[in-house]
Each structure stands twice: as structure tokens, then as C-alpha cells.
Amino acid sequence: MNDFRQLSPATMRRLPLYYRVFKDLALKQVDRIKSQELSDKMHIPAATIRHDFAALGELGRSGYGYSVSALSEYFGELLATSQAEALILVGAGPLGQAMLANNFRRNPDLEIVGAYDIDPGVIGQTIHGIVIEDFATIQADPRIRTAILTVPSDAQQAVVSRLETIGITAILTFAPKPAECKPETTIAYVDLTRELQTLLFVENHRRAN
């Protein structure tokens, strides 16, 4: 097994996509699939798929393709947490409330168990089964190491710094502005504007061709 720390961020982002596709193929009782067929299905260049899989190890054989059942199991194990992951949400505005409504229903290993805000108008409300608590009162919980942030960019740094003091080491934030963090803290950024611009760029060029 390769050192997964050496995987590129782009490859890491594609891992859940591979798992979803192979899981779907397995449910349809597909036996095997070649990289070009996978490329056509995922709209990812076959060369990119082969590069990703080479970085992960020997996942297929030349001329044979990829075993659907084996890779469905492989990616499932690769992405699975060793135990159910309890998450907290900071920011109970419209985006945060949408996260609470969804609450990872498609993945039983992920669950938002607490939510925080600084708005007195929201604190104390029960939203989709979660009571919104005052962020000023947040305390360490040995079960929780991961937080989702749906806070304004100008509030992000203070929130990150506070979360680090209570043992949070993994943060997913929807604020595109980078935050300073400790070496042991990992932050992933979701920039909806950038993603939409990328989508429109691809779509515009597809139409032009």
C-alpha cells in the first residue's frame, strides 16, 4: 500500500467519486470495467484515472481492466472511518441549516451532533433536531475532532483559533479566505463561487466546441 500522504489534493478529491461509481456498478452486478469505459461514465480523462490508480497501487491489470467488486470494497475501506464520526457545525444561518437538514443521511458514519452560533435570535432554537448553542460556551468533547464552518469570512479566523483550543483538528469551511492554523490542524475549503465559475467555464467551452 502506498503512502497516501503523497497523493495530490486533486486525486484525494476524486476518491469519493470512484467509490460512488464502483459501488453503483457493483449493485448492477457489473464484473469489470476498463479505464476508457470508466472515463466515459465519470467524464474524467482515462489518463487521469490511470494516474490516480497508479498512485494508489496496482488496482488493475493491463488488458483486463478493473474488478468492480474488488475496487468497490477497496474504496469503501479506504474512505471508511474506523468508527462513526461525530461532527459539530458552527454557523446556523441558511447554509448551516441546510447542512443540518441533510446531516449526511447517505453516510451513516457521519453525523452532526451539535451546532453553534453567536446570534441570540438563533441560539436556543431546535433546528432539524439539533439545539443551537451559544458558541461562547463551546467546550471540549473527546468524541469530537471535526467541525464544519458556515460562518462569514471575517469571523473564520477567530472561530478556527477557538476550535483549536478545544481539540478540533479537522475543519471544513465554506469561507474561501485561508485561515492560519496549527501544523496539526487540517482545513479544507469549499469555495462555491470558484466551483460555479469552473463549472460555467467547462460548460461554455463545451458549447463552443
N, C-alpha and C. Protein backbone atom coordinates (compact mmCIF):
# COMPACT_ATOMS: atom_id res chain seq x y z
N MET A 1 0.84 -1.20 0.00
CA MET A 1 0.00 0.00 0.00
C MET A 1 0.87 1.24 0.00
N ASN A 2 0.54 2.20 -0.84
CA ASN A 2 1.33 3.41 -0.96
C ASN A 2 1.11 4.34 0.22
N ASP A 3 2.01 5.34 0.35
CA ASP A 3 1.86 6.36 1.37
C ASP A 3 0.84 7.37 0.86
N PHE A 4 -0.37 7.32 1.42
CA PHE A 4 -1.44 8.16 0.92
C PHE A 4 -1.20 9.64 1.18
N ARG A 5 -0.25 9.96 2.04
CA ARG A 5 0.08 11.37 2.27
C ARG A 5 0.70 12.01 1.04
N GLN A 6 1.18 11.18 0.12
CA GLN A 6 1.81 11.69 -1.09
C GLN A 6 0.80 11.93 -2.22
N LEU A 7 -0.46 11.56 -2.00
CA LEU A 7 -1.46 11.78 -3.03
C LEU A 7 -1.70 13.27 -3.23
N SER A 8 -1.94 13.66 -4.47
CA SER A 8 -2.24 15.07 -4.75
C SER A 8 -3.63 15.41 -4.23
N PRO A 9 -3.88 16.67 -3.89
CA PRO A 9 -5.22 17.07 -3.45
C PRO A 9 -6.29 16.73 -4.48
N ALA A 10 -5.96 16.86 -5.77
CA ALA A 10 -6.94 16.55 -6.82
C ALA A 10 -7.32 15.07 -6.79
N THR A 11 -6.32 14.20 -6.61
CA THR A 11 -6.60 12.77 -6.52
C THR A 11 -7.45 12.46 -5.30
N MET A 12 -7.13 13.07 -4.18
CA MET A 12 -7.91 12.84 -2.96
C MET A 12 -9.37 13.23 -3.16
N ARG A 13 -9.61 14.34 -3.87
CA ARG A 13 -10.98 14.79 -4.08
C ARG A 13 -11.76 13.83 -4.97
N ARG A 14 -11.05 13.08 -5.80
CA ARG A 14 -11.75 12.13 -6.68
C ARG A 14 -12.03 10.79 -6.02
N LEU A 15 -11.43 10.50 -4.90
CA LEU A 15 -11.63 9.19 -4.26
C LEU A 15 -13.10 8.89 -3.97
N PRO A 16 -13.86 9.83 -3.38
CA PRO A 16 -15.28 9.53 -3.15
C PRO A 16 -16.06 9.30 -4.44
N LEU A 17 -15.64 9.96 -5.53
CA LEU A 17 -16.31 9.76 -6.82
C LEU A 17 -16.07 8.34 -7.32
N TYR A 18 -14.83 7.87 -7.19
CA TYR A 18 -14.53 6.50 -7.60
C TYR A 18 -15.35 5.50 -6.78
N TYR A 19 -15.41 5.73 -5.49
CA TYR A 19 -16.16 4.82 -4.63
C TYR A 19 -17.63 4.77 -5.03
N ARG A 20 -18.20 5.94 -5.28
CA ARG A 20 -19.62 6.00 -5.63
C ARG A 20 -19.90 5.24 -6.93
N VAL A 21 -19.02 5.43 -7.92
CA VAL A 21 -19.22 4.77 -9.21
C VAL A 21 -19.05 3.26 -9.10
N PHE A 22 -17.99 2.81 -8.41
CA PHE A 22 -17.77 1.37 -8.29
C PHE A 22 -18.85 0.71 -7.43
N LYS A 23 -19.33 1.42 -6.44
CA LYS A 23 -20.42 0.87 -5.63
C LYS A 23 -21.68 0.71 -6.47
N ASP A 24 -21.96 1.71 -7.31
CA ASP A 24 -23.12 1.63 -8.19
C ASP A 24 -22.98 0.50 -9.20
N LEU A 25 -21.78 0.35 -9.76
CA LEU A 25 -21.54 -0.73 -10.72
C LEU A 25 -21.69 -2.10 -10.06
N ALA A 26 -21.22 -2.20 -8.82
CA ALA A 26 -21.33 -3.47 -8.09
C ALA A 26 -22.80 -3.83 -7.85
N LEU A 27 -23.60 -2.83 -7.53
CA LEU A 27 -25.03 -3.07 -7.31
C LEU A 27 -25.71 -3.53 -8.59
N LYS A 28 -25.17 -3.09 -9.73
CA LYS A 28 -25.71 -3.50 -11.03
C LYS A 28 -25.08 -4.80 -11.52
N GLN A 29 -24.24 -5.40 -10.67
CA GLN A 29 -23.60 -6.69 -10.94
C GLN A 29 -22.69 -6.65 -12.17
N VAL A 30 -22.05 -5.50 -12.38
CA VAL A 30 -21.03 -5.40 -13.42
C VAL A 30 -19.77 -6.08 -12.90
N ASP A 31 -19.14 -6.91 -13.72
CA ASP A 31 -17.99 -7.70 -13.28
C ASP A 31 -16.69 -6.89 -13.32
N ARG A 32 -16.45 -6.22 -14.45
CA ARG A 32 -15.22 -5.45 -14.59
C ARG A 32 -15.44 -4.30 -15.55
N ILE A 33 -14.52 -3.34 -15.51
CA ILE A 33 -14.64 -2.16 -16.36
C ILE A 33 -13.24 -1.67 -16.71
N LYS A 34 -13.09 -1.18 -17.94
CA LYS A 34 -11.80 -0.65 -18.38
C LYS A 34 -11.75 0.85 -18.16
N SER A 35 -10.54 1.38 -18.17
CA SER A 35 -10.36 2.79 -17.83
C SER A 35 -11.11 3.72 -18.79
N GLN A 36 -11.18 3.37 -20.08
CA GLN A 36 -11.90 4.23 -21.02
C GLN A 36 -13.40 4.20 -20.75
N GLU A 37 -13.92 3.03 -20.41
CA GLU A 37 -15.34 2.92 -20.06
C GLU A 37 -15.63 3.73 -18.80
N LEU A 38 -14.71 3.65 -17.84
CA LEU A 38 -14.86 4.42 -16.61
C LEU A 38 -14.78 5.91 -16.91
N SER A 39 -13.90 6.27 -17.82
CA SER A 39 -13.76 7.67 -18.23
C SER A 39 -15.05 8.19 -18.83
N ASP A 40 -15.66 7.41 -19.71
CA ASP A 40 -16.91 7.82 -20.34
C ASP A 40 -18.02 7.99 -19.31
N LYS A 41 -18.00 7.15 -18.31
CA LYS A 41 -19.05 7.19 -17.28
C LYS A 41 -18.87 8.36 -16.32
N MET A 42 -17.61 8.69 -16.00
CA MET A 42 -17.32 9.70 -14.99
C MET A 42 -16.98 11.07 -15.58
N HIS A 43 -16.76 11.10 -16.91
CA HIS A 43 -16.34 12.34 -17.56
C HIS A 43 -15.01 12.84 -17.00
N ILE A 44 -14.13 11.90 -16.75
CA ILE A 44 -12.76 12.17 -16.30
C ILE A 44 -11.83 11.50 -17.31
N PRO A 45 -10.78 12.18 -17.78
CA PRO A 45 -9.88 11.55 -18.76
C PRO A 45 -9.35 10.21 -18.28
N ALA A 46 -9.28 9.25 -19.19
CA ALA A 46 -8.78 7.92 -18.84
C ALA A 46 -7.37 7.99 -18.29
N ALA A 47 -6.55 8.90 -18.83
CA ALA A 47 -5.18 9.04 -18.34
C ALA A 47 -5.15 9.50 -16.89
N THR A 48 -6.10 10.36 -16.52
CA THR A 48 -6.19 10.81 -15.13
C THR A 48 -6.56 9.66 -14.21
N ILE A 49 -7.50 8.86 -14.65
CA ILE A 49 -7.92 7.70 -13.85
C ILE A 49 -6.75 6.74 -13.66
N ARG A 50 -6.04 6.45 -14.74
CA ARG A 50 -4.89 5.54 -14.63
C ARG A 50 -3.81 6.12 -13.71
N HIS A 51 -3.61 7.43 -13.79
CA HIS A 51 -2.62 8.09 -12.92
C HIS A 51 -3.04 7.98 -11.46
N ASP A 52 -4.31 8.24 -11.18
CA ASP A 52 -4.80 8.14 -9.80
C ASP A 52 -4.64 6.73 -9.27
N PHE A 53 -5.03 5.75 -10.08
CA PHE A 53 -4.99 4.37 -9.62
C PHE A 53 -3.55 3.88 -9.45
N ALA A 54 -2.64 4.37 -10.29
CA ALA A 54 -1.23 4.00 -10.15
C ALA A 54 -0.67 4.55 -8.84
N ALA A 55 -1.13 5.74 -8.45
CA ALA A 55 -0.67 6.34 -7.20
C ALA A 55 -1.17 5.56 -5.99
N LEU A 56 -2.29 4.87 -6.16
CA LEU A 56 -2.88 4.10 -5.07
C LEU A 56 -2.30 2.69 -4.98
N GLY A 57 -1.70 2.22 -6.06
CA GLY A 57 -1.15 0.87 -6.07
C GLY A 57 -1.57 0.15 -7.33
N GLU A 58 -1.38 -1.15 -7.35
CA GLU A 58 -1.76 -1.96 -8.51
C GLU A 58 -3.23 -2.33 -8.38
N LEU A 59 -4.09 -1.54 -9.00
CA LEU A 59 -5.53 -1.76 -8.84
C LEU A 59 -6.16 -2.49 -10.02
N GLY A 60 -5.41 -2.66 -11.10
CA GLY A 60 -5.96 -3.34 -12.26
C GLY A 60 -4.88 -4.06 -13.03
N ARG A 61 -5.27 -4.79 -14.09
CA ARG A 61 -4.32 -5.50 -14.93
C ARG A 61 -4.50 -5.05 -16.37
N SER A 62 -3.38 -4.87 -17.07
CA SER A 62 -3.42 -4.45 -18.47
C SER A 62 -4.21 -5.46 -19.30
N GLY A 63 -5.15 -4.97 -20.06
CA GLY A 63 -5.96 -5.83 -20.91
C GLY A 63 -7.18 -6.41 -20.22
N TYR A 64 -7.19 -6.39 -18.90
CA TYR A 64 -8.31 -6.94 -18.14
C TYR A 64 -9.24 -5.84 -17.65
N GLY A 65 -8.65 -4.75 -17.21
CA GLY A 65 -9.45 -3.68 -16.63
C GLY A 65 -9.45 -3.76 -15.12
N TYR A 66 -10.53 -3.27 -14.53
CA TYR A 66 -10.62 -3.20 -13.08
C TYR A 66 -11.77 -4.07 -12.58
N SER A 67 -11.49 -4.84 -11.56
CA SER A 67 -12.53 -5.66 -10.93
C SER A 67 -13.47 -4.75 -10.15
N VAL A 68 -14.73 -4.75 -10.51
CA VAL A 68 -15.69 -3.86 -9.87
C VAL A 68 -15.87 -4.21 -8.40
N SER A 69 -16.06 -5.47 -8.10
CA SER A 69 -16.30 -5.86 -6.70
C SER A 69 -15.09 -5.56 -5.83
N ALA A 70 -13.89 -5.83 -6.37
CA ALA A 70 -12.67 -5.59 -5.60
C ALA A 70 -12.47 -4.10 -5.32
N LEU A 71 -12.71 -3.26 -6.33
CA LEU A 71 -12.48 -1.83 -6.13
C LEU A 71 -13.60 -1.16 -5.36
N SER A 72 -14.80 -1.70 -5.46
CA SER A 72 -15.88 -1.19 -4.61
C SER A 72 -15.53 -1.41 -3.14
N GLU A 73 -15.02 -2.59 -2.85
CA GLU A 73 -14.60 -2.90 -1.48
C GLU A 73 -13.38 -2.09 -1.08
N TYR A 74 -12.43 -1.95 -2.00
CA TYR A 74 -11.19 -1.22 -1.71
C TYR A 74 -11.47 0.24 -1.36
N PHE A 75 -12.23 0.92 -2.22
CA PHE A 75 -12.50 2.33 -1.95
C PHE A 75 -13.40 2.51 -0.73
N GLY A 76 -14.27 1.54 -0.50
CA GLY A 76 -15.10 1.60 0.70
C GLY A 76 -14.26 1.55 1.96
N GLU A 77 -13.28 0.64 1.98
CA GLU A 77 -12.39 0.53 3.13
C GLU A 77 -11.47 1.74 3.24
N LEU A 78 -11.04 2.25 2.09
CA LEU A 78 -10.12 3.39 2.08
C LEU A 78 -10.78 4.63 2.67
N LEU A 79 -12.06 4.83 2.37
CA LEU A 79 -12.75 6.04 2.80
C LEU A 79 -13.49 5.88 4.11
N ALA A 80 -13.68 4.65 4.54
CA ALA A 80 -14.44 4.43 5.76
C ALA A 80 -13.69 4.93 6.98
N THR A 81 -14.41 5.53 7.91
CA THR A 81 -13.83 5.88 9.20
C THR A 81 -13.82 4.64 10.07
N SER A 82 -12.89 4.57 11.01
CA SER A 82 -12.80 3.40 11.88
C SER A 82 -13.99 3.32 12.82
N GLN A 83 -14.66 4.45 13.01
CA GLN A 83 -15.86 4.49 13.84
C GLN A 83 -16.71 5.66 13.36
N ALA A 84 -17.96 5.70 13.81
CA ALA A 84 -18.84 6.79 13.42
C ALA A 84 -18.22 8.12 13.85
N GLU A 85 -18.21 9.09 12.93
CA GLU A 85 -17.58 10.38 13.18
C GLU A 85 -18.63 11.40 13.60
N ALA A 86 -18.51 11.88 14.84
CA ALA A 86 -19.41 12.92 15.34
C ALA A 86 -18.84 14.28 14.95
N LEU A 87 -19.68 15.14 14.39
CA LEU A 87 -19.25 16.44 13.90
C LEU A 87 -20.00 17.55 14.62
N ILE A 88 -19.40 18.75 14.64
CA ILE A 88 -20.13 19.92 15.09
C ILE A 88 -20.19 20.93 13.95
N LEU A 89 -21.23 21.75 13.98
CA LEU A 89 -21.43 22.80 12.99
C LEU A 89 -21.34 24.14 13.68
N VAL A 90 -20.59 25.06 13.11
CA VAL A 90 -20.52 26.43 13.63
C VAL A 90 -21.06 27.36 12.55
N GLY A 91 -22.16 28.02 12.88
CA GLY A 91 -22.83 28.90 11.93
C GLY A 91 -24.18 28.31 11.54
N ALA A 92 -25.25 28.81 12.16
CA ALA A 92 -26.59 28.24 11.92
C ALA A 92 -27.45 29.15 11.07
N GLY A 93 -26.83 29.82 10.10
CA GLY A 93 -27.58 30.61 9.13
C GLY A 93 -28.20 29.70 8.08
N PRO A 94 -28.64 30.26 6.95
CA PRO A 94 -29.30 29.44 5.92
C PRO A 94 -28.46 28.25 5.44
N LEU A 95 -27.17 28.46 5.18
CA LEU A 95 -26.33 27.35 4.72
C LEU A 95 -26.16 26.31 5.82
N GLY A 96 -25.91 26.77 7.04
CA GLY A 96 -25.77 25.85 8.14
C GLY A 96 -27.04 25.05 8.39
N GLN A 97 -28.18 25.70 8.27
CA GLN A 97 -29.45 25.00 8.45
C GLN A 97 -29.68 23.96 7.36
N ALA A 98 -29.21 24.27 6.15
CA ALA A 98 -29.31 23.28 5.07
C ALA A 98 -28.44 22.06 5.39
N MET A 99 -27.26 22.30 5.98
CA MET A 99 -26.40 21.19 6.38
C MET A 99 -27.09 20.34 7.45
N LEU A 100 -27.76 20.99 8.39
CA LEU A 100 -28.46 20.25 9.44
C LEU A 100 -29.61 19.44 8.86
N ALA A 101 -30.29 20.00 7.86
CA ALA A 101 -31.41 19.29 7.25
C ALA A 101 -30.94 18.01 6.55
N ASN A 102 -29.79 18.10 5.91
CA ASN A 102 -29.24 16.93 5.21
C ASN A 102 -28.58 15.96 6.18
N ASN A 103 -27.69 16.50 7.00
CA ASN A 103 -26.97 15.74 8.05
C ASN A 103 -26.45 14.39 7.59
N PHE A 104 -25.90 14.37 6.37
CA PHE A 104 -25.21 13.18 5.86
C PHE A 104 -26.07 11.92 5.91
N ARG A 105 -27.31 12.06 5.49
CA ARG A 105 -28.22 10.92 5.53
C ARG A 105 -27.74 9.75 4.68
N ARG A 106 -26.92 10.05 3.66
CA ARG A 106 -26.42 8.97 2.78
C ARG A 106 -25.20 8.28 3.36
N ASN A 107 -24.67 8.79 4.47
CA ASN A 107 -23.49 8.18 5.07
C ASN A 107 -23.71 7.99 6.57
N PRO A 108 -24.02 6.78 7.00
CA PRO A 108 -24.31 6.54 8.42
C PRO A 108 -23.12 6.74 9.34
N ASP A 109 -21.91 6.87 8.77
CA ASP A 109 -20.73 7.05 9.60
C ASP A 109 -20.44 8.51 9.93
N LEU A 110 -21.25 9.43 9.40
CA LEU A 110 -21.07 10.86 9.67
C LEU A 110 -22.35 11.44 10.23
N GLU A 111 -22.23 12.22 11.30
CA GLU A 111 -23.42 12.82 11.90
C GLU A 111 -23.07 14.11 12.63
N ILE A 112 -23.81 15.17 12.33
CA ILE A 112 -23.68 16.42 13.09
C ILE A 112 -24.43 16.24 14.40
N VAL A 113 -23.72 16.37 15.51
CA VAL A 113 -24.33 16.14 16.82
C VAL A 113 -24.48 17.42 17.64
N GLY A 114 -23.90 18.52 17.14
CA GLY A 114 -24.01 19.79 17.85
C GLY A 114 -23.87 20.95 16.89
N ALA A 115 -24.52 22.07 17.21
CA ALA A 115 -24.45 23.25 16.34
C ALA A 115 -24.35 24.50 17.21
N TYR A 116 -23.59 25.48 16.71
CA TYR A 116 -23.30 26.69 17.49
C TYR A 116 -23.45 27.94 16.62
N ASP A 117 -23.79 29.04 17.30
CA ASP A 117 -23.90 30.33 16.62
C ASP A 117 -23.69 31.41 17.67
N ILE A 118 -23.60 32.67 17.21
CA ILE A 118 -23.47 33.80 18.14
C ILE A 118 -24.71 34.69 18.09
N ASP A 119 -25.65 34.35 17.23
CA ASP A 119 -26.86 35.16 17.05
C ASP A 119 -27.89 34.82 18.13
N PRO A 120 -28.24 35.78 19.00
CA PRO A 120 -29.24 35.50 20.04
C PRO A 120 -30.58 35.06 19.47
N GLY A 121 -30.86 35.48 18.24
CA GLY A 121 -32.12 35.10 17.63
C GLY A 121 -32.18 33.64 17.21
N VAL A 122 -31.03 33.00 17.14
CA VAL A 122 -30.97 31.59 16.72
C VAL A 122 -30.65 30.67 17.89
N ILE A 123 -29.83 31.17 18.82
CA ILE A 123 -29.42 30.36 19.98
C ILE A 123 -30.64 29.90 20.76
N GLY A 124 -30.66 28.62 21.07
CA GLY A 124 -31.77 28.04 21.81
C GLY A 124 -32.84 27.41 20.95
N GLN A 125 -32.84 27.73 19.66
CA GLN A 125 -33.80 27.12 18.76
C GLN A 125 -33.40 25.67 18.45
N THR A 126 -34.40 24.85 18.20
CA THR A 126 -34.14 23.49 17.74
C THR A 126 -34.38 23.45 16.23
N ILE A 127 -33.33 23.18 15.49
CA ILE A 127 -33.39 23.17 14.03
C ILE A 127 -33.03 21.78 13.53
N HIS A 128 -33.99 21.15 12.92
CA HIS A 128 -33.80 19.78 12.39
C HIS A 128 -33.25 18.84 13.47
N GLY A 129 -33.81 18.98 14.66
CA GLY A 129 -33.46 18.08 15.76
C GLY A 129 -32.24 18.46 16.56
N ILE A 130 -31.56 19.54 16.19
CA ILE A 130 -30.35 19.97 16.90
C ILE A 130 -30.61 21.30 17.59
N VAL A 131 -30.33 21.38 18.88
CA VAL A 131 -30.46 22.64 19.61
C VAL A 131 -29.24 23.51 19.33
N ILE A 132 -29.47 24.74 18.87
CA ILE A 132 -28.37 25.65 18.57
C ILE A 132 -27.85 26.25 19.87
N GLU A 133 -26.56 26.06 20.13
CA GLU A 133 -25.95 26.54 21.37
C GLU A 133 -25.11 27.79 21.11
N ASP A 134 -24.83 28.50 22.18
CA ASP A 134 -24.02 29.72 22.11
C ASP A 134 -22.56 29.33 21.90
N PHE A 135 -21.95 29.84 20.83
CA PHE A 135 -20.56 29.48 20.54
C PHE A 135 -19.62 29.88 21.68
N ALA A 136 -19.98 30.91 22.41
CA ALA A 136 -19.14 31.36 23.53
C ALA A 136 -19.03 30.31 24.62
N THR A 137 -19.95 29.36 24.64
CA THR A 137 -19.96 28.34 25.70
C THR A 137 -19.38 27.01 25.23
N ILE A 138 -18.85 26.95 24.02
CA ILE A 138 -18.37 25.68 23.48
C ILE A 138 -17.25 25.11 24.34
N GLN A 139 -17.30 23.81 24.56
CA GLN A 139 -16.32 23.12 25.39
C GLN A 139 -15.77 21.90 24.65
N ALA A 140 -14.62 21.43 25.11
CA ALA A 140 -14.01 20.24 24.50
C ALA A 140 -14.89 19.02 24.74
N ASP A 141 -14.94 18.16 23.75
CA ASP A 141 -15.67 16.90 23.83
C ASP A 141 -14.76 15.83 23.23
N PRO A 142 -14.35 14.84 24.00
CA PRO A 142 -13.41 13.84 23.49
C PRO A 142 -13.92 13.06 22.28
N ARG A 143 -15.23 13.08 22.05
CA ARG A 143 -15.78 12.37 20.89
C ARG A 143 -15.57 13.13 19.60
N ILE A 144 -15.34 14.44 19.70
CA ILE A 144 -15.43 15.30 18.52
C ILE A 144 -14.07 15.89 18.16
N ARG A 145 -13.67 15.69 16.91
CA ARG A 145 -12.42 16.25 16.41
C ARG A 145 -12.62 17.04 15.11
N THR A 146 -13.85 17.02 14.59
CA THR A 146 -14.12 17.61 13.29
C THR A 146 -15.24 18.63 13.37
N ALA A 147 -15.05 19.77 12.69
CA ALA A 147 -16.06 20.82 12.67
C ALA A 147 -16.32 21.29 11.25
N ILE A 148 -17.56 21.69 11.01
CA ILE A 148 -17.95 22.32 9.75
C ILE A 148 -18.26 23.78 10.04
N LEU A 149 -17.67 24.68 9.25
CA LEU A 149 -17.87 26.12 9.45
C LEU A 149 -18.70 26.69 8.32
N THR A 150 -19.79 27.34 8.66
CA THR A 150 -20.57 28.11 7.69
C THR A 150 -20.71 29.52 8.25
N VAL A 151 -19.56 30.14 8.48
CA VAL A 151 -19.52 31.48 9.08
C VAL A 151 -18.96 32.46 8.06
N PRO A 152 -19.20 33.77 8.24
CA PRO A 152 -18.63 34.76 7.32
C PRO A 152 -17.10 34.73 7.35
N SER A 153 -16.49 35.14 6.25
CA SER A 153 -15.03 35.12 6.14
C SER A 153 -14.36 35.90 7.25
N ASP A 154 -14.94 37.04 7.64
CA ASP A 154 -14.29 37.87 8.65
C ASP A 154 -14.38 37.27 10.05
N ALA A 155 -15.19 36.24 10.23
CA ALA A 155 -15.30 35.58 11.53
C ALA A 155 -14.52 34.28 11.58
N GLN A 156 -14.06 33.82 10.43
CA GLN A 156 -13.47 32.49 10.34
C GLN A 156 -12.25 32.31 11.22
N GLN A 157 -11.30 33.26 11.20
CA GLN A 157 -10.06 33.08 11.94
C GLN A 157 -10.29 32.92 13.43
N ALA A 158 -11.16 33.74 13.98
CA ALA A 158 -11.44 33.65 15.42
C ALA A 158 -12.08 32.31 15.75
N VAL A 159 -12.95 31.83 14.89
CA VAL A 159 -13.61 30.55 15.13
C VAL A 159 -12.60 29.41 15.06
N VAL A 160 -11.74 29.42 14.04
CA VAL A 160 -10.72 28.38 13.91
C VAL A 160 -9.82 28.35 15.14
N SER A 161 -9.37 29.51 15.57
CA SER A 161 -8.47 29.59 16.73
C SER A 161 -9.14 29.04 17.98
N ARG A 162 -10.42 29.36 18.16
CA ARG A 162 -11.14 28.86 19.34
C ARG A 162 -11.33 27.35 19.25
N LEU A 163 -11.67 26.85 18.09
CA LEU A 163 -11.87 25.41 17.94
C LEU A 163 -10.59 24.64 18.22
N GLU A 164 -9.46 25.19 17.83
CA GLU A 164 -8.19 24.51 18.10
C GLU A 164 -7.93 24.37 19.59
N THR A 165 -8.41 25.31 20.38
CA THR A 165 -8.18 25.23 21.83
C THR A 165 -8.98 24.13 22.49
N ILE A 166 -10.02 23.64 21.81
CA ILE A 166 -10.83 22.57 22.41
C ILE A 166 -10.58 21.22 21.71
N GLY A 167 -9.49 21.14 20.94
CA GLY A 167 -9.09 19.86 20.39
C GLY A 167 -9.61 19.52 19.01
N ILE A 168 -10.22 20.48 18.32
CA ILE A 168 -10.65 20.22 16.94
C ILE A 168 -9.43 20.25 16.03
N THR A 169 -9.26 19.21 15.23
CA THR A 169 -8.08 19.12 14.36
C THR A 169 -8.43 19.00 12.88
N ALA A 170 -9.71 18.87 12.55
CA ALA A 170 -10.14 18.79 11.15
C ALA A 170 -11.31 19.74 10.95
N ILE A 171 -11.17 20.65 9.99
CA ILE A 171 -12.18 21.68 9.77
C ILE A 171 -12.53 21.77 8.29
N LEU A 172 -13.82 21.74 8.00
CA LEU A 172 -14.33 22.00 6.65
C LEU A 172 -15.01 23.36 6.70
N THR A 173 -14.54 24.30 5.89
CA THR A 173 -15.10 25.65 5.93
C THR A 173 -15.60 26.10 4.57
N PHE A 174 -16.69 26.83 4.58
CA PHE A 174 -17.26 27.38 3.35
C PHE A 174 -16.81 28.81 3.13
N ALA A 175 -15.90 29.32 3.96
CA ALA A 175 -15.32 30.64 3.75
C ALA A 175 -14.06 30.47 2.90
N PRO A 176 -13.97 31.11 1.75
CA PRO A 176 -12.85 30.87 0.84
C PRO A 176 -11.52 31.46 1.30
N LYS A 177 -11.55 32.39 2.23
CA LYS A 177 -10.33 33.04 2.69
C LYS A 177 -9.51 32.09 3.57
N PRO A 178 -8.23 31.86 3.26
CA PRO A 178 -7.41 30.95 4.07
C PRO A 178 -7.29 31.43 5.52
N ALA A 179 -7.27 30.48 6.43
CA ALA A 179 -7.12 30.80 7.85
C ALA A 179 -5.79 30.25 8.35
N GLU A 180 -5.21 30.93 9.32
CA GLU A 180 -4.00 30.42 9.95
C GLU A 180 -4.38 29.33 10.95
N CYS A 181 -3.57 28.29 10.99
CA CYS A 181 -3.88 27.19 11.90
C CYS A 181 -2.60 26.52 12.36
N LYS A 182 -2.72 25.67 13.36
CA LYS A 182 -1.58 24.93 13.87
C LYS A 182 -1.19 23.84 12.86
N PRO A 183 0.07 23.39 12.92
CA PRO A 183 0.51 22.33 11.98
C PRO A 183 -0.33 21.06 12.07
N GLU A 184 -0.86 20.77 13.24
CA GLU A 184 -1.62 19.54 13.40
C GLU A 184 -3.09 19.68 12.98
N THR A 185 -3.49 20.87 12.57
CA THR A 185 -4.87 21.10 12.14
C THR A 185 -4.95 21.05 10.61
N THR A 186 -5.95 20.35 10.11
CA THR A 186 -6.19 20.27 8.67
C THR A 186 -7.46 21.03 8.33
N ILE A 187 -7.36 21.95 7.37
CA ILE A 187 -8.53 22.73 6.95
C ILE A 187 -8.79 22.48 5.48
N ALA A 188 -10.03 22.16 5.15
CA ALA A 188 -10.46 22.01 3.75
C ALA A 188 -11.44 23.14 3.44
N TYR A 189 -11.25 23.75 2.28
CA TYR A 189 -12.05 24.91 1.89
C TYR A 189 -13.02 24.54 0.77
N VAL A 190 -14.27 24.95 0.93
CA VAL A 190 -15.27 24.79 -0.11
C VAL A 190 -15.65 26.19 -0.59
N ASP A 191 -15.22 26.53 -1.80
CA ASP A 191 -15.49 27.84 -2.38
C ASP A 191 -16.57 27.66 -3.45
N LEU A 192 -17.81 27.95 -3.09
CA LEU A 192 -18.91 27.72 -4.02
C LEU A 192 -18.81 28.60 -5.26
N THR A 193 -18.32 29.83 -5.09
CA THR A 193 -18.16 30.72 -6.24
C THR A 193 -17.15 30.15 -7.23
N ARG A 194 -16.02 29.68 -6.71
CA ARG A 194 -14.99 29.10 -7.58
C ARG A 194 -15.51 27.86 -8.30
N GLU A 195 -16.23 27.02 -7.57
CA GLU A 195 -16.75 25.80 -8.19
C GLU A 195 -17.74 26.14 -9.30
N LEU A 196 -18.59 27.15 -9.06
CA LEU A 196 -19.56 27.54 -10.08
C LEU A 196 -18.86 28.14 -11.29
N GLN A 197 -17.84 28.97 -11.04
CA GLN A 197 -17.10 29.55 -12.16
C GLN A 197 -16.41 28.48 -12.99
N THR A 198 -15.85 27.47 -12.32
CA THR A 198 -15.23 26.36 -13.04
C THR A 198 -16.25 25.61 -13.88
N LEU A 199 -17.41 25.36 -13.28
CA LEU A 199 -18.48 24.67 -14.00
C LEU A 199 -18.90 25.44 -15.24
N LEU A 200 -19.09 26.75 -15.09
CA LEU A 200 -19.51 27.57 -16.22
C LEU A 200 -18.43 27.64 -17.30
N PHE A 201 -17.17 27.68 -16.87
CA PHE A 201 -16.06 27.67 -17.84
C PHE A 201 -16.10 26.41 -18.69
N VAL A 202 -16.24 25.27 -18.02
CA VAL A 202 -16.28 23.99 -18.74
C VAL A 202 -17.49 23.93 -19.66
N GLU A 203 -18.64 24.37 -19.16
CA GLU A 203 -19.86 24.33 -19.96
C GLU A 203 -19.78 25.25 -21.17
N ASN A 204 -19.25 26.44 -20.98
CA ASN A 204 -19.13 27.39 -22.09
C ASN A 204 -18.21 26.86 -23.19
N HIS A 205 -17.10 26.23 -22.78
CA HIS A 205 -16.17 25.69 -23.77
C HIS A 205 -16.74 24.44 -24.44
N ARG A 206 -17.53 23.69 -23.70
CA ARG A 206 -18.18 22.51 -24.30
C ARG A 206 -19.14 22.95 -25.40
N ARG A 207 -19.90 24.00 -25.11
CA ARG A 207 -20.86 24.51 -26.09
C ARG A 207 -20.14 25.10 -27.31
N ALA A 208 -19.01 25.75 -27.05
CA ALA A 208 -18.26 26.38 -28.15
C ALA A 208 -17.71 25.34 -29.12
N ASN A 209 -17.45 24.15 -28.58
CA ASN A 209 -16.90 23.08 -29.43
C ASN A 209 -17.99 22.18 -29.99
